[in-house]
Each structure stands twice: as C-alpha cells, then as structure tokens.
C-alpha cells in the first residue's frame, strides 16, 4: 500500500512541478479517500516526505557547491 501511495505522490508531484496547482493533491486525496482512508493518509504522508526530501537535497547540493568554491 505504501508503494501505491508513494507512486501516486510522485505522479502528483510531477504534475505540480509543471502547474504549481496544489489542487492536484486535493483531487487525488478526495478520490482515494472515498474508498480508503488508509491509502489517503499514506498518500498525504508520501507527498510530505517527497517534498521534504527535495528541500533537503537542494540544501545539501548548495552546501556541497559552497565547499567546492572554498
């Protein structure tokens, strides 16, 4: 189930990267939430984790770049 949620999160984030429309997350949440509250929560968690991962990787890349310049 977590694999399904993560896959859905990755697909939604790909769309969000292009559109910057947060409604994509609400739409997916609404669709899956009508059938599975567990999947809904897993999806929301996967989106948060993927967004946090992206921010952390960006910060680490910036820090590595600073080290290379120093």
PDB file of N, CA and C in Angstrom:
ATOM      1  N   UNK A   1       0.808  -1.185   0.000  1.00  0.00           N
ATOM      2  CA  UNK A   1       0.000   0.000   0.000  1.00  0.00           C
ATOM      3  C   UNK A   1       0.858   1.259   0.000  1.00  0.00           C
ATOM      4  N   UNK A   2       1.957   1.245   0.763  1.00  0.00           N
ATOM      5  CA  UNK A   2       2.813   2.426   0.772  1.00  0.00           C
ATOM      6  C   UNK A   2       3.461   2.655  -0.589  1.00  0.00           C
ATOM      7  N   UNK A   3       3.700   1.573  -1.322  1.00  0.00           N
ATOM      8  CA  UNK A   3       4.242   1.731  -2.676  1.00  0.00           C
ATOM      9  C   UNK A   3       3.239   2.426  -3.581  1.00  0.00           C
ATOM     10  N   UNK A   4       1.985   2.056  -3.454  1.00  0.00           N
ATOM     11  CA  UNK A   4       0.928   2.691  -4.250  1.00  0.00           C
ATOM     12  C   UNK A   4       0.837   4.169  -3.890  1.00  0.00           C
ATOM     13  N   UNK A   5       0.814   4.468  -2.606  1.00  0.00           N
ATOM     14  CA  UNK A   5       0.720   5.855  -2.151  1.00  0.00           C
ATOM     15  C   UNK A   5       1.914   6.671  -2.632  1.00  0.00           C
ATOM     16  N   UNK A   6       3.106   6.098  -2.548  1.00  0.00           N
ATOM     17  CA  UNK A   6       4.302   6.808  -2.987  1.00  0.00           C
ATOM     18  C   UNK A   6       4.278   7.036  -4.488  1.00  0.00           C
ATOM     19  N   UNK A   7       3.830   6.047  -5.245  1.00  0.00           N
ATOM     20  CA  UNK A   7       3.729   6.201  -6.696  1.00  0.00           C
ATOM     21  C   UNK A   7       2.743   7.315  -7.050  1.00  0.00           C
ATOM     22  N   UNK A   8       1.599   7.328  -6.389  1.00  0.00           N
ATOM     23  CA  UNK A   8       0.616   8.389  -6.623  1.00  0.00           C
ATOM     24  C   UNK A   8       1.194   9.754  -6.246  1.00  0.00           C
ATOM     25  N   UNK A   9       1.916   9.804  -5.150  1.00  0.00           N
ATOM     26  CA  UNK A   9       2.529  11.062  -4.717  1.00  0.00           C
ATOM     27  C   UNK A   9       3.543  11.553  -5.742  1.00  0.00           C
ATOM     28  N   UNK A  10       4.369  10.653  -6.256  1.00  0.00           N
ATOM     29  CA  UNK A  10       5.360  11.046  -7.253  1.00  0.00           C
ATOM     30  C   UNK A  10       4.689  11.577  -8.514  1.00  0.00           C
ATOM     31  N   UNK A  11       3.628  10.913  -8.947  1.00  0.00           N
ATOM     32  CA  UNK A  11       2.916  11.371 -10.140  1.00  0.00           C
ATOM     33  C   UNK A  11       2.273  12.737  -9.908  1.00  0.00           C
ATOM     34  N   UNK A  12       1.662  12.915  -8.749  1.00  0.00           N
ATOM     35  CA  UNK A  12       1.035  14.202  -8.430  1.00  0.00           C
ATOM     36  C   UNK A  12       2.088  15.307  -8.347  1.00  0.00           C
ATOM     37  N   UNK A  13       3.231  14.996  -7.765  1.00  0.00           N
ATOM     38  CA  UNK A  13       4.296  15.992  -7.664  1.00  0.00           C
ATOM     39  C   UNK A  13       4.862  16.357  -9.035  1.00  0.00           C
ATOM     40  N   UNK A  14       4.930  15.398  -9.938  1.00  0.00           N
ATOM     41  CA  UNK A  14       5.375  15.695 -11.306  1.00  0.00           C
ATOM     42  C   UNK A  14       4.434  16.697 -11.964  1.00  0.00           C
ATOM     43  N   UNK A  15       3.144  16.493 -11.787  1.00  0.00           N
ATOM     44  CA  UNK A  15       2.157  17.422 -12.344  1.00  0.00           C
ATOM     45  C   UNK A  15       2.278  18.778 -11.658  1.00  0.00           C
ATOM     46  N   UNK A  16       2.433  18.769 -10.334  1.00  0.00           N
ATOM     47  CA  UNK A  16       2.561  20.009  -9.587  1.00  0.00           C
ATOM     48  C   UNK A  16       3.783  20.808 -10.028  1.00  0.00           C
ATOM     49  N   UNK A  17       4.889  20.131 -10.324  1.00  0.00           N
ATOM     50  CA  UNK A  17       6.107  20.815 -10.774  1.00  0.00           C
ATOM     51  C   UNK A  17       5.847  21.643 -12.029  1.00  0.00           C
ATOM     52  N   UNK A  18       4.952  21.175 -12.881  1.00  0.00           N
ATOM     53  CA  UNK A  18       4.630  21.881 -14.123  1.00  0.00           C
ATOM     54  C   UNK A  18       3.574  22.957 -13.889  1.00  0.00           C
ATOM     55  N   UNK A  19       2.534  22.609 -13.137  1.00  0.00           N
ATOM     56  CA  UNK A  19       1.381  23.505 -12.998  1.00  0.00           C
ATOM     57  C   UNK A  19       1.440  24.414 -11.778  1.00  0.00           C
ATOM     58  N   UNK A  20       2.137  23.972 -10.721  1.00  0.00           N
ATOM     59  CA  UNK A  20       2.173  24.662  -9.421  1.00  0.00           C
ATOM     60  C   UNK A  20       0.767  24.809  -8.831  1.00  0.00           C
ATOM     61  N   UNK A  21      -0.116  23.920  -9.201  1.00  0.00           N
ATOM     62  CA  UNK A  21      -1.505  23.941  -8.735  1.00  0.00           C
ATOM     63  C   UNK A  21      -1.680  22.894  -7.635  1.00  0.00           C
ATOM     64  N   UNK A  22      -1.841  23.362  -6.405  1.00  0.00           N
ATOM     65  CA  UNK A  22      -1.991  22.459  -5.260  1.00  0.00           C
ATOM     66  C   UNK A  22      -3.272  21.641  -5.309  1.00  0.00           C
ATOM     67  N   UNK A  23      -4.198  22.017  -6.168  1.00  0.00           N
ATOM     68  CA  UNK A  23      -5.459  21.270  -6.275  1.00  0.00           C
ATOM     69  C   UNK A  23      -5.243  19.817  -6.684  1.00  0.00           C
ATOM     70  N   UNK A  24      -4.124  19.530  -7.344  1.00  0.00           N
ATOM     71  CA  UNK A  24      -3.870  18.148  -7.760  1.00  0.00           C
ATOM     72  C   UNK A  24      -3.826  17.234  -6.541  1.00  0.00           C
ATOM     73  N   UNK A  25      -3.261  17.712  -5.448  1.00  0.00           N
ATOM     74  CA  UNK A  25      -3.180  16.903  -4.234  1.00  0.00           C
ATOM     75  C   UNK A  25      -4.561  16.704  -3.621  1.00  0.00           C
ATOM     76  N   UNK A  26      -5.347  17.767  -3.621  1.00  0.00           N
ATOM     77  CA  UNK A  26      -6.710  17.673  -3.085  1.00  0.00           C
ATOM     78  C   UNK A  26      -7.571  16.727  -3.912  1.00  0.00           C
ATOM     79  N   UNK A  27      -7.402  16.783  -5.227  1.00  0.00           N
ATOM     80  CA  UNK A  27      -8.186  15.914  -6.106  1.00  0.00           C
ATOM     81  C   UNK A  27      -7.856  14.445  -5.871  1.00  0.00           C
ATOM     82  N   UNK A  28      -6.567  14.139  -5.805  1.00  0.00           N
ATOM     83  CA  UNK A  28      -6.158  12.749  -5.570  1.00  0.00           C
ATOM     84  C   UNK A  28      -6.628  12.297  -4.189  1.00  0.00           C
ATOM     85  N   UNK A  29      -6.453  13.157  -3.198  1.00  0.00           N
ATOM     86  CA  UNK A  29      -6.878  12.827  -1.836  1.00  0.00           C
ATOM     87  C   UNK A  29      -8.369  12.522  -1.789  1.00  0.00           C
ATOM     88  N   UNK A  30      -9.150  13.335  -2.454  1.00  0.00           N
ATOM     89  CA  UNK A  30     -10.604  13.146  -2.459  1.00  0.00           C
ATOM     90  C   UNK A  30     -10.986  11.821  -3.122  1.00  0.00           C
ATOM     91  N   UNK A  31     -10.354  11.514  -4.243  1.00  0.00           N
ATOM     92  CA  UNK A  31     -10.676  10.286  -4.975  1.00  0.00           C
ATOM     93  C   UNK A  31     -10.329   9.049  -4.155  1.00  0.00           C
ATOM     94  N   UNK A  32      -9.120   9.004  -3.616  1.00  0.00           N
ATOM     95  CA  UNK A  32      -8.732   7.797  -2.882  1.00  0.00           C
ATOM     96  C   UNK A  32      -9.368   7.739  -1.499  1.00  0.00           C
ATOM     97  N   UNK A  33      -9.674   8.906  -0.938  1.00  0.00           N
ATOM     98  CA  UNK A  33     -10.268   8.944   0.393  1.00  0.00           C
ATOM     99  C   UNK A  33     -11.668   8.374   0.455  1.00  0.00           C
ATOM    100  N   UNK A  34     -12.375   8.395  -0.668  1.00  0.00           N
ATOM    101  CA  UNK A  34     -13.729   7.839  -0.674  1.00  0.00           C
ATOM    102  C   UNK A  34     -13.715   6.324  -0.542  1.00  0.00           C
ATOM    103  N   UNK A  35     -12.597   5.710  -0.904  1.00  0.00           N
ATOM    104  CA  UNK A  35     -12.507   4.250  -0.846  1.00  0.00           C
ATOM    105  C   UNK A  35     -11.600   3.740   0.262  1.00  0.00           C
ATOM    106  N   UNK A  36     -10.557   4.513   0.577  1.00  0.00           N
ATOM    107  CA  UNK A  36      -9.583   4.016   1.550  1.00  0.00           C
ATOM    108  C   UNK A  36      -8.957   5.167   2.329  1.00  0.00           C
ATOM    109  N   UNK A  37      -9.361   5.295   3.568  1.00  0.00           N
ATOM    110  CA  UNK A  37      -8.777   6.321   4.426  1.00  0.00           C
ATOM    111  C   UNK A  37      -7.301   6.022   4.683  1.00  0.00           C
ATOM    112  N   UNK A  38      -6.961   4.762   4.757  1.00  0.00           N
ATOM    113  CA  UNK A  38      -5.571   4.365   4.987  1.00  0.00           C
ATOM    114  C   UNK A  38      -4.690   4.807   3.826  1.00  0.00           C
ATOM    115  N   UNK A  39      -5.147   4.571   2.593  1.00  0.00           N
ATOM    116  CA  UNK A  39      -4.387   4.996   1.416  1.00  0.00           C
ATOM    117  C   UNK A  39      -4.319   6.516   1.351  1.00  0.00           C
ATOM    118  N   UNK A  40      -5.400   7.170   1.723  1.00  0.00           N
ATOM    119  CA  UNK A  40      -5.419   8.637   1.735  1.00  0.00           C
ATOM    120  C   UNK A  40      -4.328   9.181   2.657  1.00  0.00           C
ATOM    121  N   UNK A  41      -4.245   8.656   3.860  1.00  0.00           N
ATOM    122  CA  UNK A  41      -3.233   9.113   4.814  1.00  0.00           C
ATOM    123  C   UNK A  41      -1.823   8.782   4.328  1.00  0.00           C
ATOM    124  N   UNK A  42      -1.661   7.611   3.737  1.00  0.00           N
ATOM    125  CA  UNK A  42      -0.351   7.226   3.210  1.00  0.00           C
ATOM    126  C   UNK A  42       0.063   8.156   2.072  1.00  0.00           C
ATOM    127  N   UNK A  43      -0.885   8.542   1.227  1.00  0.00           N
ATOM    128  CA  UNK A  43      -0.611   9.469   0.126  1.00  0.00           C
ATOM    129  C   UNK A  43      -0.170  10.822   0.669  1.00  0.00           C
ATOM    130  N   UNK A  44      -0.914  11.351   1.636  1.00  0.00           N
ATOM    131  CA  UNK A  44      -0.561  12.646   2.217  1.00  0.00           C
ATOM    132  C   UNK A  44       0.837  12.600   2.832  1.00  0.00           C
ATOM    133  N   UNK A  45       1.129  11.508   3.519  1.00  0.00           N
ATOM    134  CA  UNK A  45       2.451  11.349   4.124  1.00  0.00           C
ATOM    135  C   UNK A  45       3.526  11.280   3.050  1.00  0.00           C
ATOM    136  N   UNK A  46       3.269  10.531   1.987  1.00  0.00           N
ATOM    137  CA  UNK A  46       4.247  10.398   0.907  1.00  0.00           C
ATOM    138  C   UNK A  46       4.523  11.743   0.245  1.00  0.00           C
ATOM    139  N   UNK A  47       3.498  12.552   0.054  1.00  0.00           N
ATOM    140  CA  UNK A  47       3.693  13.883  -0.527  1.00  0.00           C
ATOM    141  C   UNK A  47       4.582  14.725   0.389  1.00  0.00           C
ATOM    142  N   UNK A  48       4.291  14.713   1.683  1.00  0.00           N
ATOM    143  CA  UNK A  48       5.104  15.489   2.635  1.00  0.00           C
ATOM    144  C   UNK A  48       6.553  15.007   2.644  1.00  0.00           C
ATOM    145  N   UNK A  49       6.732  13.695   2.635  1.00  0.00           N
ATOM    146  CA  UNK A  49       8.087  13.132   2.659  1.00  0.00           C
ATOM    147  C   UNK A  49       8.844  13.504   1.392  1.00  0.00           C
ATOM    148  N   UNK A  50       8.204  13.371   0.241  1.00  0.00           N
ATOM    149  CA  UNK A  50       8.869  13.706  -1.027  1.00  0.00           C
ATOM    150  C   UNK A  50       9.224  15.189  -1.101  1.00  0.00           C
ATOM    151  N   UNK A  51       8.335  16.052  -0.618  1.00  0.00           N
ATOM    152  CA  UNK A  51       8.629  17.491  -0.617  1.00  0.00           C
ATOM    153  C   UNK A  51       9.789  17.800   0.329  1.00  0.00           C
ATOM    154  N   UNK A  52       9.788  17.189   1.490  1.00  0.00           N
ATOM    155  CA  UNK A  52      10.874  17.395   2.451  1.00  0.00           C
ATOM    156  C   UNK A  52      12.194  16.879   1.886  1.00  0.00           C
ATOM    157  N   UNK A  53      12.140  15.731   1.238  1.00  0.00           N
ATOM    158  CA  UNK A  53      13.345  15.170   0.623  1.00  0.00           C
ATOM    159  C   UNK A  53      13.916  16.133  -0.410  1.00  0.00           C
ATOM    160  N   UNK A  54      13.054  16.701  -1.235  1.00  0.00           N
ATOM    161  CA  UNK A  54      13.510  17.628  -2.277  1.00  0.00           C
ATOM    162  C   UNK A  54      14.190  18.842  -1.663  1.00  0.00           C
ATOM    163  N   UNK A  55      13.569  19.410  -0.624  1.00  0.00           N
ATOM    164  CA  UNK A  55      14.164  20.577   0.043  1.00  0.00           C
ATOM    165  C   UNK A  55      15.522  20.224   0.658  1.00  0.00           C
ATOM    166  N   UNK A  56      15.601  19.067   1.284  1.00  0.00           N
ATOM    167  CA  UNK A  56      16.856  18.649   1.911  1.00  0.00           C
ATOM    168  C   UNK A  56      17.942  18.423   0.868  1.00  0.00           C
ATOM    169  N   UNK A  57      17.603  17.789  -0.231  1.00  0.00           N
ATOM    170  CA  UNK A  57      18.598  17.548  -1.285  1.00  0.00           C
ATOM    171  C   UNK A  57      19.081  18.859  -1.906  1.00  0.00           C
ATOM    172  N   UNK A  58      18.163  19.812  -2.074  1.00  0.00           N
ATOM    173  CA  UNK A  58      18.553  21.118  -2.608  1.00  0.00           C
ATOM    174  C   UNK A  58      19.517  21.826  -1.661  1.00  0.00           C
ATOM    175  N   UNK A  59      19.233  21.778  -0.363  1.00  0.00           N
ATOM    176  CA  UNK A  59      20.100  22.407   0.624  1.00  0.00           C
ATOM    177  C   UNK A  59      21.473  21.740   0.636  1.00  0.00           C
ATOM    178  N   UNK A  60      21.488  20.416   0.586  1.00  0.00           N
ATOM    179  CA  UNK A  60      22.768  19.702   0.585  1.00  0.00           C
ATOM    180  C   UNK A  60      23.575  20.011  -0.672  1.00  0.00           C
ATOM    181  N   UNK A  61      22.909  20.127  -1.806  1.00  0.00           N
ATOM    182  CA  UNK A  61      23.601  20.476  -3.048  1.00  0.00           C
ATOM    183  C   UNK A  61      24.215  21.870  -2.944  1.00  0.00           C
ATOM    184  N   UNK A  62      23.489  22.803  -2.330  1.00  0.00           N
ATOM    185  CA  UNK A  62      24.025  24.150  -2.130  1.00  0.00           C
ATOM    186  C   UNK A  62      25.245  24.121  -1.217  1.00  0.00           C
ATOM    187  N   UNK A  63      25.173  23.345  -0.156  1.00  0.00           N
ATOM    188  CA  UNK A  63      26.305  23.247   0.769  1.00  0.00           C
ATOM    189  C   UNK A  63      27.513  22.608   0.092  1.00  0.00           C
ATOM    190  N   UNK A  64      27.287  21.582  -0.708  1.00  0.00           N
ATOM    191  CA  UNK A  64      28.391  20.953  -1.443  1.00  0.00           C
ATOM    192  C   UNK A  64      29.014  21.941  -2.416  1.00  0.00           C
ATOM    193  N   UNK A  65      28.176  22.742  -3.074  1.00  0.00           N
ATOM    194  CA  UNK A  65      28.686  23.736  -4.016  1.00  0.00           C
ATOM    195  C   UNK A  65      29.553  24.767  -3.293  1.00  0.00           C
ATOM    196  N   UNK A  66      29.147  25.165  -2.099  1.00  0.00           N
ATOM    197  CA  UNK A  66      29.942  26.113  -1.316  1.00  0.00           C
ATOM    198  C   UNK A  66      31.302  25.521  -0.965  1.00  0.00           C
ATOM    199  N   UNK A  67      31.321  24.250  -0.624  1.00  0.00           N
ATOM    200  CA  UNK A  67      32.583  23.592  -0.280  1.00  0.00           C
ATOM    201  C   UNK A  67      33.513  23.542  -1.478  1.00  0.00           C
ATOM    202  N   UNK A  68      32.942  23.317  -2.651  1.00  0.00           N
ATOM    203  CA  UNK A  68      33.740  23.257  -3.867  1.00  0.00           C
ATOM    204  C   UNK A  68      34.329  24.604  -4.243  1.00  0.00           C
ATOM    205  N   UNK A  69      33.674  25.687  -3.847  1.00  0.00           N
ATOM    206  CA  UNK A  69      34.146  27.034  -4.180  1.00  0.00           C
ATOM    207  C   UNK A  69      35.163  27.551  -3.171  1.00  0.00           C
ATOM    208  N   UNK A  70      35.173  26.976  -1.968  1.00  0.00           N
ATOM    209  CA  UNK A  70      36.041  27.471  -0.896  1.00  0.00           C
ATOM    210  C   UNK A  70      37.365  26.934  -0.956  1.00  0.00           C
TER     211      UNK A  70
END
